[in-house]
Amino acid sequence: MTQDAILLPACALALWTIVVLGLVPFRRVSASLAGRTHVKDYRYGESANVPGDVSLANRNYMNLLELPILFYFVCLSLVATNRVDQTYVYLAWAFVAMRVVHSLVHLTYHNVLHRLMVFAVGNILIAVVLLRLTLSLL
């Protein structure tokens, strides 16, 4: 197992984050062209006037910048300490899958219970990876 194998899931999640970022202006412009929002609704971020389906893309983008910071930290730490193994790579891909599914649920049919379950599994995965790394460093 090469040490850079852990960087593929990290790159995949970073690319997914860019895709979701692209949805933000798309949804905002579409809503503006349809007369559902106005430029002033975004002056200080998003006002209460922004419809939920428009603000979801921005909220999901923020989600992809919150918890995944731990994922990127772990991936880089694994490379730096030469500890990458097959288990870490599988767990990393599972975490990325959970983040993508979380986004898809959030951005499409938005069932909060489904989103919560996928989010929880992702949290458990990153906690396991972080705990395993921490224990290996002791």
N, C-alpha and C. Protein backbone atom coordinates (compact mmCIF):
# COMPACT_ATOMS: atom_id res chain seq x y z
N MET A 1 0.86 -1.18 0.00
CA MET A 1 0.00 0.00 0.00
C MET A 1 0.89 1.23 0.00
N THR A 2 0.69 2.08 -1.00
CA THR A 2 1.47 3.32 -1.04
C THR A 2 0.82 4.36 -0.12
N GLN A 3 1.64 5.22 0.42
CA GLN A 3 1.15 6.22 1.36
C GLN A 3 0.20 7.23 0.71
N ASP A 4 0.37 7.46 -0.58
CA ASP A 4 -0.50 8.45 -1.22
C ASP A 4 -1.89 7.91 -1.55
N ALA A 5 -2.16 6.63 -1.29
CA ALA A 5 -3.48 6.06 -1.55
C ALA A 5 -4.57 6.76 -0.74
N ILE A 6 -4.23 7.29 0.41
CA ILE A 6 -5.20 7.98 1.25
C ILE A 6 -5.57 9.36 0.68
N LEU A 7 -4.74 9.84 -0.23
CA LEU A 7 -5.02 11.16 -0.80
C LEU A 7 -6.12 11.12 -1.87
N LEU A 8 -6.37 9.95 -2.46
CA LEU A 8 -7.45 9.85 -3.46
C LEU A 8 -8.82 10.15 -2.86
N PRO A 9 -9.18 9.52 -1.73
CA PRO A 9 -10.48 9.91 -1.16
C PRO A 9 -10.51 11.37 -0.71
N ALA A 10 -9.38 11.89 -0.24
CA ALA A 10 -9.34 13.31 0.14
C ALA A 10 -9.57 14.20 -1.08
N CYS A 11 -8.95 13.86 -2.20
CA CYS A 11 -9.16 14.61 -3.45
C CYS A 11 -10.61 14.48 -3.92
N ALA A 12 -11.17 13.29 -3.79
CA ALA A 12 -12.56 13.08 -4.21
C ALA A 12 -13.51 13.96 -3.40
N LEU A 13 -13.28 14.04 -2.08
CA LEU A 13 -14.15 14.88 -1.26
C LEU A 13 -13.95 16.35 -1.58
N ALA A 14 -12.72 16.76 -1.83
CA ALA A 14 -12.45 18.15 -2.20
C ALA A 14 -13.14 18.48 -3.53
N LEU A 15 -13.09 17.57 -4.49
CA LEU A 15 -13.77 17.80 -5.77
C LEU A 15 -15.29 17.85 -5.60
N TRP A 16 -15.82 16.98 -4.75
CA TRP A 16 -17.26 17.01 -4.47
C TRP A 16 -17.65 18.36 -3.85
N THR A 17 -16.81 18.88 -2.98
CA THR A 17 -17.05 20.18 -2.36
C THR A 17 -17.13 21.27 -3.41
N ILE A 18 -16.26 21.19 -4.41
CA ILE A 18 -16.27 22.16 -5.51
C ILE A 18 -17.57 22.04 -6.33
N VAL A 19 -18.03 20.81 -6.54
CA VAL A 19 -19.29 20.61 -7.27
C VAL A 19 -20.44 21.28 -6.52
N VAL A 20 -20.51 21.04 -5.22
CA VAL A 20 -21.58 21.64 -4.42
C VAL A 20 -21.44 23.16 -4.40
N LEU A 21 -20.22 23.66 -4.33
CA LEU A 21 -20.00 25.11 -4.40
C LEU A 21 -20.58 25.67 -5.69
N GLY A 22 -20.46 24.95 -6.78
CA GLY A 22 -21.02 25.39 -8.05
C GLY A 22 -22.53 25.50 -8.04
N LEU A 23 -23.17 24.74 -7.17
CA LEU A 23 -24.63 24.82 -7.07
C LEU A 23 -25.10 26.12 -6.43
N VAL A 24 -24.26 26.70 -5.58
CA VAL A 24 -24.66 27.90 -4.85
C VAL A 24 -25.01 29.03 -5.82
N PRO A 25 -24.10 29.47 -6.68
CA PRO A 25 -24.49 30.56 -7.60
C PRO A 25 -25.56 30.12 -8.60
N PHE A 26 -25.54 28.85 -8.99
CA PHE A 26 -26.56 28.37 -9.93
C PHE A 26 -27.95 28.55 -9.33
N ARG A 27 -28.13 28.10 -8.09
CA ARG A 27 -29.45 28.22 -7.46
C ARG A 27 -29.79 29.68 -7.17
N ARG A 28 -28.82 30.46 -6.79
CA ARG A 28 -29.09 31.88 -6.49
C ARG A 28 -29.49 32.63 -7.76
N VAL A 29 -28.75 32.43 -8.83
CA VAL A 29 -29.07 33.12 -10.09
C VAL A 29 -30.41 32.65 -10.62
N SER A 30 -30.65 31.35 -10.58
CA SER A 30 -31.94 30.82 -11.04
C SER A 30 -33.10 31.43 -10.27
N ALA A 31 -32.94 31.53 -8.94
CA ALA A 31 -34.00 32.11 -8.11
C ALA A 31 -34.18 33.60 -8.42
N SER A 32 -33.08 34.29 -8.66
CA SER A 32 -33.17 35.72 -9.00
C SER A 32 -33.86 35.93 -10.34
N LEU A 33 -33.48 35.13 -11.32
CA LEU A 33 -34.11 35.25 -12.65
C LEU A 33 -35.59 34.92 -12.61
N ALA A 34 -35.98 34.05 -11.68
CA ALA A 34 -37.39 33.69 -11.54
C ALA A 34 -38.15 34.69 -10.66
N GLY A 35 -37.42 35.69 -10.15
CA GLY A 35 -38.06 36.70 -9.31
C GLY A 35 -38.31 36.25 -7.87
N ARG A 36 -37.69 35.15 -7.48
CA ARG A 36 -37.90 34.61 -6.13
C ARG A 36 -36.98 35.27 -5.10
N THR A 37 -35.87 35.83 -5.57
CA THR A 37 -34.94 36.53 -4.68
C THR A 37 -34.42 37.77 -5.38
N HIS A 38 -33.75 38.60 -4.62
CA HIS A 38 -33.14 39.82 -5.14
C HIS A 38 -31.72 39.91 -4.62
N VAL A 39 -30.90 40.66 -5.29
CA VAL A 39 -29.49 40.81 -4.91
C VAL A 39 -29.37 41.21 -3.44
N LYS A 40 -30.24 42.11 -2.98
CA LYS A 40 -30.17 42.57 -1.59
C LYS A 40 -30.36 41.44 -0.57
N ASP A 41 -30.97 40.34 -1.00
CA ASP A 41 -31.18 39.19 -0.10
C ASP A 41 -29.87 38.51 0.27
N TYR A 42 -28.80 38.82 -0.45
CA TYR A 42 -27.50 38.18 -0.22
C TYR A 42 -26.46 39.17 0.31
N ARG A 43 -26.89 40.36 0.63
CA ARG A 43 -25.95 41.41 1.03
C ARG A 43 -25.10 41.00 2.24
N TYR A 44 -25.69 40.36 3.22
CA TYR A 44 -24.96 39.94 4.42
C TYR A 44 -25.01 38.42 4.56
N GLY A 45 -24.81 37.73 3.49
CA GLY A 45 -24.95 36.28 3.48
C GLY A 45 -26.27 35.95 2.83
N GLU A 46 -27.16 35.33 3.59
CA GLU A 46 -28.49 35.03 3.08
C GLU A 46 -29.52 35.53 4.07
N SER A 47 -30.46 36.31 3.58
CA SER A 47 -31.52 36.83 4.45
C SER A 47 -32.63 35.79 4.59
N ALA A 48 -33.55 36.10 5.47
CA ALA A 48 -34.70 35.21 5.68
C ALA A 48 -35.60 35.16 4.44
N ASN A 49 -35.41 36.08 3.50
CA ASN A 49 -36.21 36.11 2.28
C ASN A 49 -35.80 35.04 1.27
N VAL A 50 -34.63 34.43 1.48
CA VAL A 50 -34.14 33.42 0.53
C VAL A 50 -34.89 32.11 0.78
N PRO A 51 -35.54 31.57 -0.26
CA PRO A 51 -36.27 30.31 -0.10
C PRO A 51 -35.34 29.16 0.32
N GLY A 52 -35.90 28.22 1.06
CA GLY A 52 -35.12 27.10 1.57
C GLY A 52 -34.38 26.32 0.51
N ASP A 53 -35.03 26.07 -0.62
CA ASP A 53 -34.37 25.28 -1.66
C ASP A 53 -33.16 26.00 -2.25
N VAL A 54 -33.14 27.32 -2.14
CA VAL A 54 -32.01 28.10 -2.64
C VAL A 54 -30.88 28.09 -1.61
N SER A 55 -31.23 28.25 -0.35
CA SER A 55 -30.20 28.32 0.70
C SER A 55 -29.61 26.95 1.03
N LEU A 56 -30.28 25.86 0.67
CA LEU A 56 -29.75 24.52 0.96
C LEU A 56 -28.37 24.27 0.36
N ALA A 57 -28.16 24.73 -0.86
CA ALA A 57 -26.86 24.51 -1.50
C ALA A 57 -25.75 25.18 -0.70
N ASN A 58 -26.00 26.40 -0.24
CA ASN A 58 -25.01 27.11 0.55
C ASN A 58 -24.79 26.41 1.89
N ARG A 59 -25.85 25.96 2.52
CA ARG A 59 -25.74 25.26 3.80
C ARG A 59 -24.98 23.95 3.63
N ASN A 60 -25.24 23.24 2.54
CA ASN A 60 -24.53 21.98 2.31
C ASN A 60 -23.06 22.23 2.06
N TYR A 61 -22.76 23.28 1.32
CA TYR A 61 -21.36 23.66 1.09
C TYR A 61 -20.67 23.92 2.43
N MET A 62 -21.33 24.64 3.31
CA MET A 62 -20.74 24.90 4.63
C MET A 62 -20.53 23.59 5.40
N ASN A 63 -21.48 22.66 5.29
CA ASN A 63 -21.32 21.34 5.92
C ASN A 63 -20.06 20.64 5.43
N LEU A 64 -19.77 20.81 4.14
CA LEU A 64 -18.60 20.15 3.56
C LEU A 64 -17.29 20.83 3.96
N LEU A 65 -17.39 21.96 4.63
CA LEU A 65 -16.19 22.63 5.12
C LEU A 65 -16.04 22.49 6.64
N GLU A 66 -17.00 21.89 7.30
CA GLU A 66 -16.98 21.78 8.76
C GLU A 66 -16.33 20.46 9.20
N LEU A 67 -17.09 19.41 9.32
CA LEU A 67 -16.57 18.12 9.78
C LEU A 67 -15.42 17.59 8.91
N PRO A 68 -15.48 17.72 7.60
CA PRO A 68 -14.38 17.18 6.78
C PRO A 68 -13.00 17.75 7.08
N ILE A 69 -12.92 18.85 7.79
CA ILE A 69 -11.60 19.36 8.14
C ILE A 69 -10.84 18.32 8.97
N LEU A 70 -11.55 17.58 9.80
CA LEU A 70 -10.92 16.49 10.56
C LEU A 70 -10.43 15.39 9.62
N PHE A 71 -11.21 15.12 8.59
CA PHE A 71 -10.84 14.11 7.60
C PHE A 71 -9.55 14.50 6.88
N TYR A 72 -9.47 15.74 6.43
CA TYR A 72 -8.27 16.20 5.74
C TYR A 72 -7.06 16.17 6.69
N PHE A 73 -7.27 16.56 7.94
CA PHE A 73 -6.20 16.50 8.94
C PHE A 73 -5.69 15.07 9.10
N VAL A 74 -6.61 14.12 9.23
CA VAL A 74 -6.22 12.72 9.42
C VAL A 74 -5.48 12.20 8.19
N CYS A 75 -5.99 12.50 7.01
CA CYS A 75 -5.33 12.01 5.79
C CYS A 75 -3.90 12.52 5.69
N LEU A 76 -3.72 13.80 5.92
CA LEU A 76 -2.36 14.36 5.85
C LEU A 76 -1.48 13.83 6.97
N SER A 77 -2.05 13.65 8.15
CA SER A 77 -1.29 13.09 9.27
C SER A 77 -0.84 11.67 8.99
N LEU A 78 -1.71 10.90 8.36
CA LEU A 78 -1.36 9.51 8.02
C LEU A 78 -0.19 9.48 7.04
N VAL A 79 -0.22 10.34 6.06
CA VAL A 79 0.88 10.40 5.09
C VAL A 79 2.16 10.86 5.79
N ALA A 80 2.05 11.90 6.61
CA ALA A 80 3.23 12.46 7.27
C ALA A 80 3.88 11.48 8.23
N THR A 81 3.07 10.60 8.83
CA THR A 81 3.62 9.65 9.81
C THR A 81 3.82 8.26 9.21
N ASN A 82 3.58 8.15 7.91
CA ASN A 82 3.81 6.88 7.20
C ASN A 82 2.98 5.73 7.79
N ARG A 83 1.71 6.01 8.09
CA ARG A 83 0.85 5.01 8.72
C ARG A 83 -0.32 4.55 7.83
N VAL A 84 -0.35 4.96 6.59
CA VAL A 84 -1.45 4.58 5.71
C VAL A 84 -1.46 3.07 5.52
N ASP A 85 -2.63 2.47 5.71
CA ASP A 85 -2.80 1.05 5.41
C ASP A 85 -4.18 0.85 4.76
N GLN A 86 -4.46 -0.36 4.37
CA GLN A 86 -5.71 -0.67 3.66
C GLN A 86 -6.95 -0.28 4.47
N THR A 87 -6.91 -0.51 5.77
CA THR A 87 -8.06 -0.18 6.62
C THR A 87 -8.34 1.31 6.60
N TYR A 88 -7.30 2.12 6.73
CA TYR A 88 -7.49 3.58 6.68
C TYR A 88 -8.08 4.00 5.33
N VAL A 89 -7.61 3.41 4.27
CA VAL A 89 -8.10 3.78 2.93
C VAL A 89 -9.57 3.39 2.78
N TYR A 90 -9.94 2.19 3.23
CA TYR A 90 -11.35 1.79 3.16
C TYR A 90 -12.24 2.71 4.00
N LEU A 91 -11.78 3.03 5.20
CA LEU A 91 -12.55 3.92 6.06
C LEU A 91 -12.66 5.32 5.45
N ALA A 92 -11.60 5.76 4.80
CA ALA A 92 -11.62 7.07 4.15
C ALA A 92 -12.65 7.10 3.02
N TRP A 93 -12.65 6.06 2.19
CA TRP A 93 -13.63 6.01 1.11
C TRP A 93 -15.05 5.91 1.65
N ALA A 94 -15.23 5.18 2.75
CA ALA A 94 -16.56 5.08 3.36
C ALA A 94 -17.02 6.45 3.86
N PHE A 95 -16.09 7.21 4.45
CA PHE A 95 -16.43 8.55 4.92
C PHE A 95 -16.83 9.44 3.74
N VAL A 96 -16.07 9.38 2.67
CA VAL A 96 -16.39 10.18 1.48
C VAL A 96 -17.77 9.79 0.94
N ALA A 97 -18.04 8.50 0.90
CA ALA A 97 -19.35 8.04 0.43
C ALA A 97 -20.48 8.61 1.30
N MET A 98 -20.27 8.62 2.61
CA MET A 98 -21.29 9.15 3.51
C MET A 98 -21.49 10.66 3.30
N ARG A 99 -20.42 11.38 3.03
CA ARG A 99 -20.55 12.82 2.80
C ARG A 99 -21.29 13.09 1.48
N VAL A 100 -21.01 12.29 0.46
CA VAL A 100 -21.70 12.46 -0.82
C VAL A 100 -23.18 12.12 -0.67
N VAL A 101 -23.48 11.01 0.00
CA VAL A 101 -24.88 10.63 0.21
C VAL A 101 -25.59 11.70 1.05
N HIS A 102 -24.91 12.19 2.08
CA HIS A 102 -25.48 13.26 2.90
C HIS A 102 -25.85 14.46 2.03
N SER A 103 -24.95 14.86 1.16
CA SER A 103 -25.21 15.99 0.26
C SER A 103 -26.40 15.70 -0.65
N LEU A 104 -26.42 14.51 -1.22
CA LEU A 104 -27.50 14.17 -2.15
C LEU A 104 -28.86 14.19 -1.46
N VAL A 105 -28.93 13.66 -0.24
CA VAL A 105 -30.18 13.71 0.51
C VAL A 105 -30.54 15.16 0.81
N HIS A 106 -29.55 15.91 1.28
CA HIS A 106 -29.77 17.31 1.65
C HIS A 106 -30.24 18.15 0.46
N LEU A 107 -29.66 17.91 -0.69
CA LEU A 107 -29.92 18.75 -1.85
C LEU A 107 -31.09 18.28 -2.71
N THR A 108 -31.60 17.09 -2.46
CA THR A 108 -32.71 16.59 -3.28
C THR A 108 -33.99 16.51 -2.45
N TYR A 109 -34.27 15.38 -1.84
CA TYR A 109 -35.55 15.22 -1.17
C TYR A 109 -35.54 15.65 0.29
N HIS A 110 -34.38 15.92 0.85
CA HIS A 110 -34.19 16.56 2.15
C HIS A 110 -34.96 15.91 3.30
N ASN A 111 -34.89 14.59 3.40
CA ASN A 111 -35.48 13.90 4.55
C ASN A 111 -34.50 14.01 5.70
N VAL A 112 -34.88 14.72 6.74
CA VAL A 112 -33.97 15.03 7.84
C VAL A 112 -33.52 13.75 8.56
N LEU A 113 -34.39 12.78 8.73
CA LEU A 113 -34.01 11.54 9.40
C LEU A 113 -32.96 10.78 8.59
N HIS A 114 -33.16 10.68 7.28
CA HIS A 114 -32.17 10.01 6.42
C HIS A 114 -30.84 10.75 6.47
N ARG A 115 -30.91 12.06 6.39
CA ARG A 115 -29.70 12.88 6.44
C ARG A 115 -28.97 12.70 7.76
N LEU A 116 -29.71 12.67 8.85
CA LEU A 116 -29.11 12.48 10.17
C LEU A 116 -28.42 11.13 10.30
N MET A 117 -29.05 10.10 9.78
CA MET A 117 -28.46 8.76 9.86
C MET A 117 -27.14 8.69 9.09
N VAL A 118 -27.12 9.24 7.90
CA VAL A 118 -25.91 9.24 7.09
C VAL A 118 -24.84 10.11 7.74
N PHE A 119 -25.24 11.25 8.28
CA PHE A 119 -24.31 12.14 8.97
C PHE A 119 -23.70 11.44 10.18
N ALA A 120 -24.53 10.72 10.94
CA ALA A 120 -24.05 10.00 12.12
C ALA A 120 -23.04 8.92 11.75
N VAL A 121 -23.32 8.17 10.69
CA VAL A 121 -22.38 7.14 10.25
C VAL A 121 -21.05 7.78 9.85
N GLY A 122 -21.10 8.90 9.15
CA GLY A 122 -19.88 9.61 8.78
C GLY A 122 -19.11 10.08 10.00
N ASN A 123 -19.82 10.58 11.00
CA ASN A 123 -19.18 11.01 12.24
C ASN A 123 -18.49 9.85 12.94
N ILE A 124 -19.16 8.73 12.98
CA ILE A 124 -18.57 7.53 13.61
C ILE A 124 -17.32 7.10 12.85
N LEU A 125 -17.40 7.11 11.54
CA LEU A 125 -16.24 6.71 10.73
C LEU A 125 -15.03 7.60 10.99
N ILE A 126 -15.24 8.91 11.00
CA ILE A 126 -14.10 9.80 11.21
C ILE A 126 -13.59 9.69 12.64
N ALA A 127 -14.48 9.44 13.59
CA ALA A 127 -14.05 9.24 14.98
C ALA A 127 -13.19 7.98 15.10
N VAL A 128 -13.59 6.91 14.42
CA VAL A 128 -12.82 5.66 14.45
C VAL A 128 -11.43 5.89 13.84
N VAL A 129 -11.39 6.55 12.72
CA VAL A 129 -10.11 6.82 12.05
C VAL A 129 -9.21 7.67 12.95
N LEU A 130 -9.78 8.70 13.53
CA LEU A 130 -9.00 9.59 14.39
C LEU A 130 -8.52 8.87 15.66
N LEU A 131 -9.39 8.06 16.24
CA LEU A 131 -9.01 7.29 17.43
C LEU A 131 -7.90 6.28 17.08
N ARG A 132 -8.08 5.61 15.97
CA ARG A 132 -7.06 4.62 15.53
C ARG A 132 -5.71 5.30 15.30
N LEU A 133 -5.72 6.45 14.65
CA LEU A 133 -4.47 7.19 14.43
C LEU A 133 -3.86 7.62 15.76
N THR A 134 -4.68 8.15 16.63
CA THR A 134 -4.18 8.61 17.93
C THR A 134 -3.54 7.45 18.71
N LEU A 135 -4.21 6.31 18.74
CA LEU A 135 -3.67 5.16 19.45
C LEU A 135 -2.37 4.67 18.83
N SER A 136 -2.26 4.76 17.52
CA SER A 136 -1.03 4.31 16.86
C SER A 136 0.15 5.25 17.15
N LEU A 137 -0.17 6.50 17.51
CA LEU A 137 0.87 7.46 17.82
C LEU A 137 1.38 7.36 19.26
N LEU A 138 0.61 6.68 20.10
CA LEU A 138 1.01 6.54 21.52
C LEU A 138 2.10 5.51 21.72
